């Protein structure tokens, strides 16, 4: 991809290359993140919920598909939220009809959080076509391309996850008169 072919080039001061430069690739990653963020905002808007609510639904639907049960405290752990915050979140999702609380089948003291059938249908209707398009892009790649993309993304995740220690600034020189 040439810079001129990109909607968001790396800047006029970068030389033209026959292959994407590191700056071009980083700009494409930024563009993808912005586009994905806009898609998530549209999804949240169409479903009438916030980012954490949508993430909770995704976790609950994945858990349900895997045949596992999700207690409210498990959801709190998965989301990295305190118990009162998750209680408020689940209360909102119950009121909106996206989840219900049910007794735990093996522990009479516990309840589980279960997404409703309508929620699964709504999420599939809202995101299904986009997910199919994304899978089609990946399926159109040969094995070498998929391996390269997977390796690249794994290394980018590792690069971003690494926490850098900030150097302490040098003390300001003491001026004497």
Protein backbone atom coordinates (compact mmCIF):
# COMPACT_ATOMS: atom_id res chain seq x y z
CA UNK A 1 0.00 0.00 0.00
CA UNK A 2 1.45 3.34 -1.00
CA UNK A 3 0.99 6.37 1.16
CA UNK A 4 -1.08 8.02 -1.57
CA UNK A 5 -3.46 5.05 -1.49
CA UNK A 6 -4.06 5.44 2.24
CA UNK A 7 -6.86 7.69 3.47
CA UNK A 8 -4.64 8.65 6.37
CA UNK A 9 -1.05 8.98 5.19
CA UNK A 10 1.84 9.19 7.56
CA UNK A 11 2.49 12.83 6.77
CA UNK A 12 3.93 14.85 3.92
CA UNK A 13 7.47 14.78 5.33
CA UNK A 14 7.80 10.99 5.06
CA UNK A 15 9.25 9.61 1.84
CA UNK A 16 7.11 7.55 -0.52
CA UNK A 17 7.81 3.80 -0.30
CA UNK A 18 6.65 0.86 -2.38
CA UNK A 19 5.69 -0.97 0.82
CA UNK A 20 4.08 0.38 3.98
CA UNK A 21 6.53 1.93 6.40
CA UNK A 22 6.35 1.38 10.15
CA UNK A 23 4.61 4.76 10.41
CA UNK A 24 2.05 3.69 7.77
CA UNK A 25 1.33 0.48 9.69
CA UNK A 26 0.94 2.34 12.99
CA UNK A 27 -1.40 4.82 11.30
CA UNK A 28 -3.46 1.92 9.95
CA UNK A 29 -3.64 0.45 13.48
CA UNK A 30 -4.81 3.83 14.79
CA UNK A 31 -7.38 4.06 12.01
CA UNK A 32 -8.61 0.53 12.76
CA UNK A 33 -8.92 1.35 16.49
CA UNK A 34 -10.84 4.56 15.69
CA UNK A 35 -13.13 2.71 13.30
CA UNK A 36 -13.71 -0.08 15.79
CA UNK A 37 -14.41 2.50 18.51
CA UNK A 38 -16.98 4.17 16.28
CA UNK A 39 -18.60 0.78 15.61
CA UNK A 40 -18.76 0.08 19.35
CA UNK A 41 -20.34 3.49 19.93
CA UNK A 42 -22.99 2.75 17.28
CA UNK A 43 -23.64 -0.64 18.88
CA UNK A 44 -23.93 0.87 22.37
CA UNK A 45 -26.26 3.53 21.03
CA UNK A 46 -28.49 1.07 19.16
CA UNK A 47 -28.67 -1.20 22.22
CA UNK A 48 -29.03 1.72 24.65
CA UNK A 49 -26.14 0.78 26.92
CA UNK A 50 -22.65 1.79 27.99
CA UNK A 51 -19.25 0.26 27.19
CA UNK A 52 -19.06 -1.80 30.39
CA UNK A 53 -22.61 -3.07 29.90
CA UNK A 54 -21.74 -4.24 26.39
CA UNK A 55 -18.53 -5.87 27.61
CA UNK A 56 -20.47 -7.64 30.37
CA UNK A 57 -22.94 -8.98 27.80
CA UNK A 58 -20.09 -10.25 25.64
CA UNK A 59 -18.57 -12.08 28.62
CA UNK A 60 -21.95 -13.50 29.65
CA UNK A 61 -22.76 -14.69 26.13
CA UNK A 62 -19.33 -16.32 25.75
CA UNK A 63 -19.73 -18.03 29.12
CA UNK A 64 -23.20 -19.26 28.18
CA UNK A 65 -21.95 -20.62 24.81
CA UNK A 66 -19.18 -22.54 26.58
CA UNK A 67 -21.75 -24.14 28.89
CA UNK A 68 -20.35 -22.48 32.01
CA UNK A 69 -22.19 -20.56 34.69
CA UNK A 70 -21.41 -16.99 35.70
CA UNK A 71 -21.97 -15.75 39.22
CA UNK A 72 -22.10 -12.05 39.82
CA UNK A 73 -18.77 -12.18 41.67
CA UNK A 74 -17.23 -14.00 38.66
CA UNK A 75 -18.48 -11.20 36.43
CA UNK A 76 -16.99 -8.63 38.82
CA UNK A 77 -13.64 -10.41 38.58
CA UNK A 78 -13.82 -10.67 34.77
CA UNK A 79 -14.60 -6.96 34.46
CA UNK A 80 -12.17 -5.86 37.18
CA UNK A 81 -14.96 -4.09 39.04
CA UNK A 82 -15.94 -3.91 42.69
CA UNK A 83 -18.99 -5.84 43.85
CA UNK A 84 -21.26 -2.79 44.29
CA UNK A 85 -20.46 -1.62 40.75
CA UNK A 86 -21.32 -5.01 39.29
CA UNK A 87 -24.53 -5.15 41.31
CA UNK A 88 -25.56 -1.81 39.77
CA UNK A 89 -24.53 -3.05 36.31
CA UNK A 90 -26.49 -6.30 36.61
CA UNK A 91 -29.49 -4.39 38.00
CA UNK A 92 -29.42 -2.15 34.88
CA UNK A 93 -29.15 -5.16 32.56
CA UNK A 94 -32.03 -6.90 34.38
CA UNK A 95 -34.21 -3.78 34.09
CA UNK A 96 -33.42 -3.48 30.37
CA UNK A 97 -34.29 -7.15 29.83
CA UNK A 98 -30.80 -8.17 28.70
CA UNK A 99 -30.07 -10.56 31.59
CA UNK A 100 -31.83 -12.32 34.41
CA UNK A 101 -30.71 -13.67 37.75
CA UNK A 102 -31.37 -17.36 38.36
CA UNK A 103 -30.65 -19.67 41.28
CA UNK A 104 -27.34 -21.50 40.97
CA UNK A 105 -28.15 -25.16 40.20
CA UNK A 106 -25.56 -26.51 42.67
CA UNK A 107 -25.33 -23.81 45.34
CA UNK A 108 -28.60 -22.69 46.93
CA UNK A 109 -26.95 -19.57 48.35
CA UNK A 110 -25.69 -18.31 44.99
CA UNK A 111 -27.32 -16.85 41.92
CA UNK A 112 -26.07 -16.83 38.37
CA UNK A 113 -26.39 -14.11 35.75
CA UNK A 114 -27.80 -15.34 32.44
CA UNK A 115 -28.24 -13.38 29.20
CA UNK A 116 -31.74 -13.60 27.77
CA UNK A 117 -32.49 -15.24 24.43
CA UNK A 118 -33.55 -11.84 23.12
CA UNK A 119 -30.12 -10.44 24.03
CA UNK A 120 -28.31 -13.12 22.05
CA UNK A 121 -30.61 -12.43 19.08
CA UNK A 122 -30.12 -8.65 19.40
CA UNK A 123 -26.33 -8.93 19.59
CA UNK A 124 -26.25 -11.27 16.59
CA UNK A 125 -28.50 -8.94 14.59
CA UNK A 126 -26.44 -5.90 15.55
CA UNK A 127 -22.96 -7.36 15.06
CA UNK A 128 -23.46 -10.49 12.96
CA UNK A 129 -22.92 -8.96 9.50
CA UNK A 130 -19.80 -7.10 10.62
CA UNK A 131 -18.35 -10.24 12.23
CA UNK A 132 -19.02 -12.19 9.01
CA UNK A 133 -17.19 -9.52 6.98
CA UNK A 134 -14.23 -9.66 9.38
CA UNK A 135 -14.11 -13.46 9.19
CA UNK A 136 -14.30 -13.26 5.38
CA UNK A 137 -11.23 -10.99 5.37
CA UNK A 138 -9.30 -13.46 7.51
CA UNK A 139 -10.54 -16.47 5.54
CA UNK A 140 -9.34 -14.82 2.31
CA UNK A 141 -5.75 -14.88 3.63
CA UNK A 142 -3.47 -17.81 3.03
CA UNK A 143 -1.82 -19.58 5.95
CA UNK A 144 1.40 -17.57 5.62
CA UNK A 145 -0.51 -14.28 5.77
CA UNK A 146 -2.56 -15.38 8.79
CA UNK A 147 0.60 -16.50 10.60
CA UNK A 148 2.28 -13.16 9.83
CA UNK A 149 -0.73 -11.16 11.03
CA UNK A 150 -1.11 -13.26 14.18
CA UNK A 151 2.59 -12.95 14.98
CA UNK A 152 2.50 -9.19 14.37
CA UNK A 153 -0.53 -8.70 16.61
CA UNK A 154 0.94 -10.86 19.39
CA UNK A 155 4.16 -8.84 19.31
CA UNK A 156 2.21 -5.55 19.28
CA UNK A 157 0.20 -6.70 22.31
CA UNK A 158 3.44 -7.54 24.11
CA UNK A 159 4.94 -4.15 23.17
CA UNK A 160 1.91 -2.27 24.48
CA UNK A 161 1.51 -4.39 27.62
CA UNK A 162 5.08 -3.72 28.69
CA UNK A 163 5.12 -1.09 31.40
CA UNK A 164 8.05 1.26 31.12
CA UNK A 165 9.69 2.73 34.15
CA UNK A 166 9.82 6.48 33.84
CA UNK A 167 13.10 8.02 34.69
CA UNK A 168 12.96 10.54 37.46
CA UNK A 169 13.70 13.98 36.09
CA UNK A 170 17.06 15.36 37.05
CA UNK A 171 16.77 17.79 39.92
CA UNK A 172 16.76 21.41 38.86
CA UNK A 173 20.09 23.06 39.42
CA UNK A 174 20.23 25.20 42.49
CA UNK A 175 21.10 28.73 41.55
CA UNK A 176 23.07 30.69 44.00
CA UNK A 177 23.47 34.42 43.94
